[in-house]
Protein backbone atom coordinates (compact mmCIF):
# COMPACT_ATOMS: atom_id res chain seq x y z
CA MET A 1 -10.10 76.50 279.51
CA ALA A 2 -8.70 76.40 283.16
CA ILE A 3 -4.30 75.82 282.62
CA ALA A 4 -2.51 75.92 285.31
CA THR A 5 0.18 78.68 286.06
CA LEU A 6 3.75 76.79 286.00
CA LEU A 7 5.80 77.24 289.23
CA PRO A 8 8.66 79.05 288.63
CA ALA A 9 10.69 76.44 289.45
CA THR A 10 9.13 74.51 286.84
CA THR A 11 9.88 77.26 284.06
CA ALA A 12 13.40 77.59 285.30
CA PHE A 13 14.04 73.90 285.48
CA ILE A 14 12.84 73.53 281.61
CA GLN A 15 15.08 76.73 281.03
CA ARG A 16 18.28 75.81 282.33
CA ALA A 17 21.38 74.50 280.42
CA PRO A 18 21.17 71.33 279.28
CA ARG A 19 22.97 68.75 281.66
CA MET A 20 23.30 65.40 283.28
CA LEU A 21 24.66 64.18 286.31
CA ILE A 22 27.90 61.84 286.44
CA GLY A 23 29.49 61.45 290.00
CA ALA A 24 29.76 64.96 291.82
CA GLU A 25 29.26 66.69 288.27
CA TRP A 26 26.40 68.10 286.22
CA VAL A 27 27.83 67.59 282.53
CA GLU A 28 27.14 68.13 278.76
CA ALA A 29 27.23 65.22 276.84
CA ALA A 30 30.84 64.34 275.70
CA ASP A 31 30.55 65.79 272.02
CA GLY A 32 28.30 68.71 273.31
CA GLN A 33 25.02 66.79 271.33
CA THR A 34 21.72 67.21 272.39
CA MET A 35 18.28 65.89 271.67
CA PRO A 36 15.06 68.15 271.84
CA LEU A 37 11.92 67.43 273.84
CA ARG A 38 8.57 68.33 273.31
CA ASN A 39 5.19 69.02 274.66
CA PRO A 40 2.73 65.86 273.76
CA ALA A 41 -0.45 68.33 274.25
CA THR A 42 1.17 71.37 271.51
CA GLY A 43 4.15 69.00 269.43
CA GLU A 44 6.11 72.27 270.02
CA GLN A 45 9.34 72.19 271.57
CA LEU A 46 9.69 72.19 275.15
CA CYS A 47 13.59 72.20 276.09
CA VAL A 48 16.81 70.00 275.16
CA VAL A 49 18.90 67.75 277.00
CA PRO A 50 22.13 65.89 276.46
CA ARG A 51 22.82 63.41 273.91
CA ALA A 52 25.07 61.53 275.95
CA THR A 53 27.81 59.10 274.35
CA VAL A 54 29.13 55.71 275.06
CA ASP A 55 32.17 57.26 276.52
CA ASP A 56 29.39 59.18 279.06
CA VAL A 57 27.78 56.02 279.86
CA ASP A 58 30.92 54.40 280.59
CA ARG A 59 32.52 57.31 282.78
CA ALA A 60 28.59 57.14 284.70
CA VAL A 61 29.12 53.38 285.21
CA LEU A 62 32.63 54.21 286.79
CA ALA A 63 31.64 56.40 288.98
CA ALA A 64 28.81 53.95 290.16
CA ARG A 65 31.49 51.47 290.79
CA GLN A 66 34.30 53.44 292.53
CA ALA A 67 31.03 54.45 294.57
CA PHE A 68 29.75 51.00 295.47
CA ASP A 69 33.71 49.72 295.96
CA ASP A 70 35.57 52.97 297.65
CA SER A 71 33.45 55.41 298.84
CA PRO A 72 31.59 56.09 302.19
CA TRP A 73 28.57 54.65 300.65
CA SER A 74 30.07 51.30 300.42
CA ARG A 75 30.48 51.04 304.55
CA THR A 76 26.90 53.31 305.22
CA ARG A 77 25.03 51.19 308.19
CA PRO A 78 21.48 49.99 307.16
CA ARG A 79 20.20 52.94 309.49
CA GLU A 80 21.64 55.28 307.74
CA ARG A 81 20.39 54.00 304.33
CA GLN A 82 16.70 53.97 305.86
CA ASN A 83 16.95 57.74 307.17
CA LEU A 84 18.84 58.88 303.41
CA LEU A 85 15.62 57.50 301.47
CA TRP A 86 13.18 58.77 304.11
CA LYS A 87 15.27 62.34 303.66
CA LEU A 88 14.64 61.50 299.63
CA ALA A 89 10.79 61.21 300.06
CA ASN A 90 10.81 64.24 302.29
CA LEU A 91 12.11 66.17 299.55
CA MET A 92 10.03 64.92 297.03
CA GLN A 93 6.97 65.59 298.85
CA ARG A 94 8.23 69.39 299.23
CA ASP A 95 8.52 69.58 295.78
CA ALA A 96 5.62 67.15 294.45
CA GLU A 97 4.19 70.20 292.42
CA LEU A 98 7.20 70.56 290.50
CA LEU A 99 7.44 67.00 289.45
CA ALA A 100 4.06 66.93 288.70
CA GLN A 101 3.97 69.67 286.50
CA LEU A 102 7.54 68.55 284.86
CA GLU A 103 5.83 64.84 284.41
CA CYS A 104 2.78 66.45 282.72
CA LEU A 105 4.78 69.31 280.00
CA ASN A 106 7.35 65.93 278.96
CA ASN A 107 4.80 62.95 279.29
CA GLY A 108 1.18 64.86 278.55
CA LYS A 109 -0.74 63.25 281.57
CA SER A 110 -2.80 65.45 284.05
CA ALA A 111 -0.57 67.20 286.17
CA ALA A 112 -3.54 67.04 288.93
CA VAL A 113 -3.49 63.44 288.60
CA ALA A 114 0.28 62.93 288.49
CA GLN A 115 0.75 64.95 291.85
CA VAL A 116 -1.97 62.72 293.85
CA MET A 117 -0.89 59.31 291.95
CA ASP A 118 2.49 59.32 290.52
CA VAL A 119 4.40 61.51 292.73
CA GLN A 120 3.00 60.29 295.48
CA LEU A 121 2.79 56.47 295.13
CA ALA A 122 6.44 57.23 294.41
CA ILE A 123 6.92 58.74 297.81
CA ASP A 124 5.16 56.07 299.11
CA PHE A 125 7.41 53.75 297.69
CA LEU A 126 10.47 54.88 298.63
CA ARG A 127 9.54 55.43 302.03
CA TYR A 128 8.10 51.32 302.05
CA MET A 129 11.97 50.51 300.94
CA ALA A 130 13.00 52.69 303.44
CA GLY A 131 12.03 50.48 306.19
CA TRP A 132 13.47 47.31 304.41
CA ALA A 133 17.21 48.72 304.90
CA THR A 134 16.93 47.85 308.63
CA LYS A 135 15.59 44.79 307.80
CA ILE A 136 17.18 42.60 305.45
CA GLU A 137 18.68 39.56 306.88
CA GLY A 138 20.42 36.43 306.34
CA SER A 139 19.78 32.86 308.22
CA SER A 140 22.23 30.27 310.61
CA VAL A 141 22.36 26.54 308.80
CA GLU A 142 22.65 23.58 311.05
CA VAL A 143 24.90 21.64 308.52
CA SER A 144 25.64 17.98 307.90
CA VAL A 145 28.53 17.81 305.85
CA PRO A 146 28.69 13.81 304.95
CA LEU A 147 32.16 14.17 303.73
CA MET A 148 33.83 14.91 307.34
CA PRO A 149 31.92 13.40 310.01
CA ASP A 150 33.96 13.91 312.59
CA GLN A 151 34.16 17.79 312.11
CA GLN A 152 31.89 20.70 313.70
CA PHE A 153 31.00 23.72 311.55
CA HIS A 154 28.95 26.78 311.89
CA SER A 155 27.58 27.91 308.83
CA PHE A 156 25.61 31.27 307.89
CA ILE A 157 23.96 32.62 304.71
CA ARG A 158 24.83 36.72 304.01
CA ARG A 159 22.44 38.86 301.80
CA GLU A 160 25.00 41.07 300.63
CA ALA A 161 23.77 43.90 297.51
CA VAL A 162 24.56 43.02 294.22
CA GLY A 163 26.41 45.89 293.13
CA VAL A 164 26.31 48.33 290.23
CA VAL A 165 22.43 49.01 288.61
CA GLY A 166 22.19 49.78 285.26
CA ALA A 167 17.88 51.01 285.63
CA ILE A 168 16.58 51.63 282.09
CA VAL A 169 12.63 53.12 282.26
CA ALA A 170 9.83 53.89 280.25
CA TRP A 171 7.95 57.21 279.20
CA ASN A 172 4.51 56.12 280.54
CA PHE A 173 5.26 56.47 284.36
CA PRO A 174 8.98 58.10 284.31
CA LEU A 175 9.16 59.53 287.85
CA LEU A 176 7.06 56.57 289.37
CA LEU A 177 9.24 53.41 287.47
CA ALA A 178 12.73 55.11 288.25
CA CYS A 179 11.91 55.21 292.03
CA TRP A 180 11.04 51.78 291.62
CA LYS A 181 14.18 50.79 290.48
CA LEU A 182 16.10 53.49 293.11
CA GLY A 183 13.98 52.80 296.24
CA PRO A 184 15.35 48.88 296.53
CA ALA A 185 18.58 49.88 295.30
CA LEU A 186 19.41 52.50 297.54
CA ALA A 187 17.54 50.18 300.61
CA THR A 188 20.59 47.47 300.08
CA GLY A 189 23.61 49.56 299.27
CA CYS A 190 23.74 48.97 295.37
CA THR A 191 24.68 52.20 293.56
CA VAL A 192 22.43 53.39 290.15
CA VAL A 193 23.06 54.45 286.50
CA LEU A 194 19.87 55.41 285.51
CA LYS A 195 19.17 55.66 281.52
CA PRO A 196 15.56 57.43 281.37
CA ALA A 197 13.78 56.91 278.08
CA ASP A 198 14.20 59.09 275.55
CA GLU A 199 11.19 61.21 275.51
CA THR A 200 10.87 61.77 279.48
CA PRO A 201 13.89 62.65 281.03
CA LEU A 202 12.83 65.49 282.87
CA THR A 203 11.54 64.28 286.69
CA ALA A 204 15.19 61.74 286.44
CA LEU A 205 16.97 64.73 286.55
CA LYS A 206 15.24 66.41 288.96
CA LEU A 207 15.15 63.20 291.06
CA ALA A 208 18.79 63.33 290.71
CA GLU A 209 19.13 66.86 291.98
CA LEU A 210 16.75 65.85 295.18
CA VAL A 211 19.21 63.17 295.66
CA GLN A 212 22.39 65.25 295.63
CA GLU A 213 20.32 67.31 298.25
CA ALA A 214 19.72 64.52 300.26
CA GLY A 215 23.43 64.13 301.10
CA TYR A 216 24.34 60.59 299.05
CA PRO A 217 27.59 60.13 298.30
CA ASP A 218 28.83 60.94 294.56
CA GLY A 219 28.19 58.63 292.41
CA VAL A 220 25.54 56.78 294.51
CA PHE A 221 23.03 57.56 291.43
CA ASN A 222 23.98 58.91 288.01
CA VAL A 223 21.39 60.03 285.41
CA VAL A 224 22.33 59.40 280.81
CA THR A 225 19.89 60.98 279.00
CA GLY A 226 20.05 60.20 275.27
CA THR A 227 18.81 57.60 273.10
CA GLY A 228 17.89 54.09 273.98
CA ILE A 229 19.97 53.01 270.80
CA THR A 230 23.31 54.78 271.85
CA ALA A 231 23.19 55.15 275.62
CA GLY A 232 20.77 52.20 276.28
CA ALA A 233 22.88 49.92 274.46
CA ALA A 234 26.50 51.12 276.55
CA LEU A 235 24.80 50.50 279.73
CA ASN A 236 23.38 47.40 278.59
CA HIS A 237 26.72 46.06 277.02
CA ASN A 238 29.12 47.80 279.95
CA PRO A 239 30.91 44.57 281.77
CA ARG A 240 31.16 47.39 285.31
CA VAL A 241 27.41 46.62 285.47
CA ASP A 242 26.02 43.57 287.86
CA LYS A 243 22.98 44.33 287.28
CA LEU A 244 19.65 45.52 284.54
CA THR A 245 16.47 46.55 285.14
CA PHE A 246 14.19 47.21 282.44
CA THR A 247 10.96 48.44 282.31
CA GLY A 248 9.57 48.99 278.51
CA SER A 249 8.41 46.93 275.53
CA THR A 250 8.82 43.09 275.14
CA ALA A 251 10.77 43.47 272.03
CA VAL A 252 13.60 45.54 273.66
CA GLY A 253 12.84 43.50 276.90
CA LYS A 254 14.09 40.40 275.15
CA GLU A 255 17.27 41.86 273.71
CA ILE A 256 18.21 43.51 276.70
CA GLY A 257 17.80 39.75 278.36
CA LYS A 258 19.88 38.24 275.35
CA ILE A 259 22.60 40.86 276.25
CA ALA A 260 22.79 40.26 279.47
CA MET A 261 23.07 36.43 279.62
CA ASP A 262 26.41 36.48 277.85
CA SER A 263 28.05 38.12 280.33
CA MET A 264 25.21 36.83 283.30
CA THR A 265 24.53 39.85 284.35
CA ARG A 266 21.70 39.77 286.78
CA VAL A 267 18.30 41.10 285.00
CA THR A 268 14.42 41.82 286.05
CA LEU A 269 12.60 42.57 282.83
CA GLU A 270 8.99 44.46 283.82
CA LEU A 271 7.58 44.29 279.88
CA GLY A 272 4.26 44.71 277.82
CA GLY A 273 0.72 43.80 278.58
CA LYS A 274 -2.67 43.06 277.11
CA SER A 275 -4.65 42.31 280.31
CA PRO A 276 -8.12 41.47 280.31
CA THR A 277 -11.10 42.76 282.13
CA ILE A 278 -13.52 40.07 282.90
CA VAL A 279 -17.16 40.93 283.85
CA MET A 280 -19.31 38.12 284.96
CA ALA A 281 -23.32 37.95 284.95
CA ASP A 282 -23.39 38.52 289.07
CA ALA A 283 -21.54 41.75 288.62
CA ASP A 284 -22.47 45.19 290.03
CA LEU A 285 -22.71 46.48 286.13
CA GLY A 286 -22.30 50.09 286.74
CA SER A 287 -19.08 49.50 288.74
CA ALA A 288 -18.24 47.05 286.08
CA ALA A 289 -18.54 49.89 283.18
CA ALA A 290 -16.58 52.64 284.92
CA GLY A 291 -13.69 50.12 286.46
CA ALA A 292 -13.35 49.00 282.89
CA ALA A 293 -13.46 52.25 281.47
CA SER A 294 -11.03 53.82 284.12
CA ALA A 295 -8.63 50.45 283.47
CA ILE A 296 -8.06 50.83 279.70
CA PHE A 297 -8.54 54.98 279.37
CA PHE A 298 -6.61 56.09 282.47
CA ASN A 299 -3.20 57.53 281.34
CA GLN A 300 -4.58 57.46 277.90
CA GLY A 301 -4.09 53.86 277.91
CA GLN A 302 -0.48 53.94 278.07
CA VAL A 303 -0.04 51.73 280.62
CA CYS A 304 1.36 48.16 281.06
CA CYS A 305 -1.45 46.50 282.86
CA ALA A 306 -4.25 48.44 281.06
CA GLY A 307 -7.50 46.22 280.67
CA SER A 308 -7.31 46.70 277.20
CA ARG A 309 -9.27 43.23 276.62
CA LEU A 310 -12.81 43.48 278.02
CA TYR A 311 -14.59 40.04 278.35
CA VAL A 312 -18.43 40.35 279.30
CA GLN A 313 -20.91 37.67 279.80
CA ARG A 314 -23.14 37.92 276.55
CA LYS A 315 -26.04 38.17 278.06
CA HIS A 316 -24.99 41.55 279.63
CA PHE A 317 -22.52 42.65 276.85
CA ASP A 318 -24.38 44.99 274.83
CA LYS A 319 -24.97 47.20 277.80
CA VAL A 320 -21.84 47.37 279.67
CA VAL A 321 -20.23 47.94 276.02
CA ALA A 322 -22.76 50.96 276.08
CA ASP A 323 -22.07 52.46 279.29
CA ILE A 324 -18.54 52.47 278.47
CA ALA A 325 -18.99 53.92 275.44
CA GLY A 326 -20.93 56.73 277.11
CA ILE A 327 -18.00 56.99 279.61
CA ALA A 328 -15.32 57.37 276.89
CA ASN A 329 -17.70 60.15 274.83
CA ALA A 330 -18.05 61.90 277.76
CA MET A 331 -14.38 62.69 278.40
CA LYS A 332 -12.94 65.77 277.81
CA LEU A 333 -9.07 65.61 275.85
CA GLY A 334 -7.05 68.57 276.36
CA SER A 335 -3.59 69.60 278.06
CA GLY A 336 -2.81 67.83 281.20
CA LEU A 337 -2.26 71.71 282.57
CA ASP A 338 -6.07 71.76 282.61
CA ALA A 339 -7.12 70.31 285.70
CA SER A 340 -10.75 69.62 284.08
CA VAL A 341 -9.34 67.52 281.27
CA ASP A 342 -10.22 63.57 281.59
CA MET A 343 -7.55 62.34 279.29
CA GLY A 344 -4.32 64.09 277.71
CA PRO A 345 -2.36 63.15 274.97
CA LEU A 346 -0.20 60.35 273.66
CA ILE A 347 3.02 60.73 274.46
CA SER A 348 4.38 61.18 270.48
CA ALA A 349 3.27 61.46 266.97
CA ARG A 350 5.30 58.15 266.44
CA GLN A 351 2.87 56.55 269.10
CA GLN A 352 -0.35 58.22 267.91
CA GLU A 353 0.32 57.12 264.16
CA ARG A 354 0.97 53.42 266.23
CA VAL A 355 -2.45 53.55 267.88
CA TRP A 356 -4.11 55.03 264.84
CA ARG A 357 -2.96 52.43 262.72
CA TYR A 358 -4.45 49.72 264.85
CA ILE A 359 -7.86 51.46 265.00
CA GLU A 360 -7.68 51.46 260.58
CA MET A 361 -6.94 47.54 261.06
CA GLY A 362 -9.92 47.35 262.89
CA ARG A 363 -11.94 49.10 260.32
CA GLU A 364 -10.23 47.59 257.30
CA SER A 365 -11.00 43.90 259.09
CA GLY A 366 -14.30 44.51 259.11
CA ALA A 367 -14.91 45.62 263.32
CA THR A 368 -17.44 48.10 264.37
CA ILE A 369 -16.02 50.74 266.17
CA ALA A 370 -18.51 51.71 269.03
CA CYS A 371 -17.22 55.02 270.05
CA GLY A 372 -14.20 57.04 269.09
CA GLY A 373 -12.12 55.87 266.56
CA GLU A 374 -11.04 59.77 265.73
CA GLN A 375 -7.55 61.30 266.12
CA PHE A 376 -7.02 64.99 265.68
CA GLY A 377 -3.86 68.02 266.95
CA PRO A 378 -2.30 69.85 267.34
CA GLY A 379 -0.53 67.66 269.77
CA TYR A 380 -1.06 63.82 269.75
CA PHE A 381 -4.71 62.64 270.42
CA VAL A 382 -6.50 59.31 270.02
CA LYS A 383 -10.47 59.90 271.30
CA PRO A 384 -11.24 56.60 273.70
CA THR A 385 -12.01 54.26 271.28
CA VAL A 386 -14.15 50.51 271.89
CA ILE A 387 -14.02 48.23 269.23
CA VAL A 388 -16.59 45.38 268.69
CA ASP A 389 -16.93 42.21 266.61
CA VAL A 390 -13.15 41.28 266.57
CA ASP A 391 -12.35 37.53 266.58
CA GLN A 392 -10.30 36.45 269.75
CA GLN A 393 -7.20 35.93 267.17
CA HIS A 394 -7.27 39.35 265.70
CA SER A 395 -3.89 41.85 265.89
CA LEU A 396 -6.23 43.54 268.04
CA VAL A 397 -6.72 41.54 270.36
CA GLN A 398 -3.15 39.65 270.74
CA GLU A 399 -1.18 42.27 270.43
CA GLU A 400 -0.40 45.44 273.07
CA ILE A 401 -1.39 48.76 271.72
CA PHE A 402 -0.36 50.94 274.31
CA GLY A 403 -3.13 53.52 273.65
CA PRO A 404 -6.65 54.37 274.11
CA VAL A 405 -8.11 51.56 272.54
CA LEU A 406 -10.42 48.82 274.12
CA VAL A 407 -11.57 45.50 272.46
CA ALA A 408 -14.75 44.10 273.70
CA ILE A 409 -15.34 40.25 273.39
CA PRO A 410 -18.71 38.59 274.60
CA PHE A 411 -18.15 34.63 276.34
CA ASP A 412 -20.91 32.36 277.34
CA ASP A 413 -19.11 30.68 280.55
CA GLU A 414 -16.55 30.89 283.08
CA ALA A 415 -14.45 28.18 281.44
CA ASP A 416 -14.88 30.36 278.05
CA ALA A 417 -13.98 33.24 280.07
CA LEU A 418 -10.83 31.34 280.80
CA ARG A 419 -10.06 29.95 277.77
CA MET A 420 -9.96 34.09 276.25
CA ALA A 421 -8.19 35.59 278.94
CA ASN A 422 -5.06 32.90 279.20
CA ASP A 423 -5.21 33.25 274.96
CA SER A 424 -2.46 35.87 275.20
CA PRO A 425 1.32 35.76 275.23
CA TYR A 426 1.53 38.24 277.85
CA GLY A 427 0.62 37.43 281.50
CA LEU A 428 0.84 40.61 283.61
CA GLY A 429 -2.63 41.77 284.81
CA ALA A 430 -6.30 40.47 285.27
CA SER A 431 -9.36 41.60 286.87
CA ILE A 432 -12.48 39.63 287.28
CA TRP A 433 -15.75 41.64 288.36
CA SER A 434 -18.08 39.56 290.19
CA ASN A 435 -19.83 39.22 293.50
CA ASP A 436 -19.76 35.40 293.50
CA LEU A 437 -16.64 34.47 295.59
CA ALA A 438 -16.32 30.72 294.97
CA ALA A 439 -16.42 31.16 291.31
CA VAL A 440 -13.82 34.05 292.17
CA HIS A 441 -11.27 31.88 293.84
CA ARG A 442 -11.92 29.34 291.39
CA MET A 443 -11.07 31.46 288.83
CA ILE A 444 -7.61 32.84 290.49
CA PRO A 445 -5.63 30.01 289.85
CA GLN A 446 -6.38 29.43 286.74
CA ILE A 447 -5.37 33.20 285.19
CA LYS A 448 -2.14 33.12 284.28
CA SER A 449 -0.89 36.43 285.47
CA GLY A 450 1.28 38.02 287.90
CA SER A 451 -1.54 40.17 289.28
CA VAL A 452 -5.28 39.66 289.78
CA TRP A 453 -7.51 42.35 290.89
CA VAL A 454 -11.16 41.70 292.24
CA ASN A 455 -13.96 44.91 291.94
CA CYS A 456 -11.18 46.68 290.85
CA HIS A 457 -7.93 47.11 288.11
CA SER A 458 -4.18 48.12 288.03
CA ALA A 459 -4.35 49.00 292.01
CA LEU A 460 -1.15 48.66 293.32
CA ASP A 461 0.70 48.50 296.45
CA PRO A 462 4.40 48.78 297.61
CA ALA A 463 4.15 45.61 299.74
CA LEU A 464 2.59 43.29 296.54
CA PRO A 465 4.84 42.49 294.37
CA PHE A 466 4.56 43.31 290.43
CA GLY A 467 5.91 41.59 287.75
CA GLY A 468 4.29 39.06 284.74
CA TYR A 469 4.28 35.72 283.44
CA LYS A 470 5.07 34.48 280.00
CA MET A 471 5.98 37.87 277.90
CA SER A 472 5.45 40.15 280.39
CA GLY A 473 8.81 39.64 282.02
CA VAL A 474 11.28 38.19 284.52
CA GLY A 475 11.22 38.85 288.21
CA ARG A 476 9.35 41.36 290.25
CA GLU A 477 9.01 44.83 291.22
CA MET A 478 7.85 46.18 294.93
CA GLY A 479 7.66 44.09 298.17
CA TYR A 480 9.95 42.11 299.41
CA ALA A 481 11.08 40.55 296.14
CA ALA A 482 12.24 43.41 294.98
CA ILE A 483 15.00 43.17 297.83
CA GLU A 484 16.03 39.47 296.39
CA HIS A 485 16.11 40.94 293.12
CA TYR A 486 18.86 43.87 294.11
CA THR A 487 21.13 41.35 296.63
CA GLU A 488 23.11 38.27 296.17
CA LEU A 489 23.20 35.17 298.52
CA LYS A 490 26.43 34.00 300.03
CA SER A 491 26.98 30.66 302.15
CA VAL A 492 29.33 30.81 304.73
CA LEU A 493 30.78 27.76 306.28
CA ILE A 494 33.67 27.59 308.87
CA LYS A 495 34.94 24.52 310.30
CA LEU A 496 35.64 24.91 314.05
């Protein structure tokens, strides 16, 4: 096993005193409480971080409120916001290996993959958003005002920063998701209080150090670590927060949305998925099998838009399933610090148990385990699993498992494939594998999801909005759509 040597900076960061950033200060929790973080590859304690109290969250929101209302940040010009984002991205590029190792230790994913994907995508996204800082514009409008026919008017529309943003992110892509919130917030002139997932705060804390080093004013970016039930709920209920942005489970997102509506807090929710992968009869079957395997097994299947439902035209079903099973059986599992490993552990013992329950549910209902279906330790490992002979209405097909479990079902024709693909409470992503452009263009408008990929899956770009239909959320990340979600429109009418 070729385990990578940790950078001295990685070791030092893990061993540092437990602190979080509120305003200008790195502080402990108000009551001194901490919580342990575990290495998913071993199950062993990695370090401890502060367990924020309600008072800690209130202080962080107040710091963000003051920074938005009263600090030099409130008067920062677009060019300065652009340049600061570029500087932050450059610092992340400098520390890319450190960030990747922290992500690996805390999340379990491959450090090598994290560096070229998670970290690099986060850097690219911040640079993309930096460009929008100087391109936020309003418009002038020729108005009629029929009740004042003899008067002359000048009218225009301004786009202004929404204010204090409360950001809560999931544990599957901790750094990337944080940057998806931070980029548009800083580009538009907002301030942020970030609450990372309970299990994975390390890269968020390192990001806070880099924000300080980049030269952002105190209070523009704050990080509070702790539990969702205390720190997350306090952020959600705080009346000084103007906007909440959440990435995580649909169940939690629905509760956040309900609470936000009580105070009319602006909200965007990027939630769960159960994305279909559709393999048509004319597809390149080898590419489709490899793509479908990657769609579900990448990041241990812990991806909101993972291709967890596979639909293959019946005459090719057995071959495609066999090819995917072959890929799965050849995958090497182990520590993400080993560059030769194909799949790391799940995030926690609780998640391992959840995924295992679904596999056992399939067995008990008479489904066939085509490959995998095993768990092991130390650490939180589940082998990549493919399940067939499952009814479309089974929980394995309808519920998000969030693990390396693929459910495969044959279909007879295009209408059959579309019916089953849309038969889901979710609508985040979908992929079509076909070389028949006419069929592809017929199918795209009929698929109820926020993203449709053709001959690829989960291919993201900073310029393309990302979000879902139905129970997969409200609003969009990335693209200009993100700028719209972090700003308010103000109409101005001047009687001359």
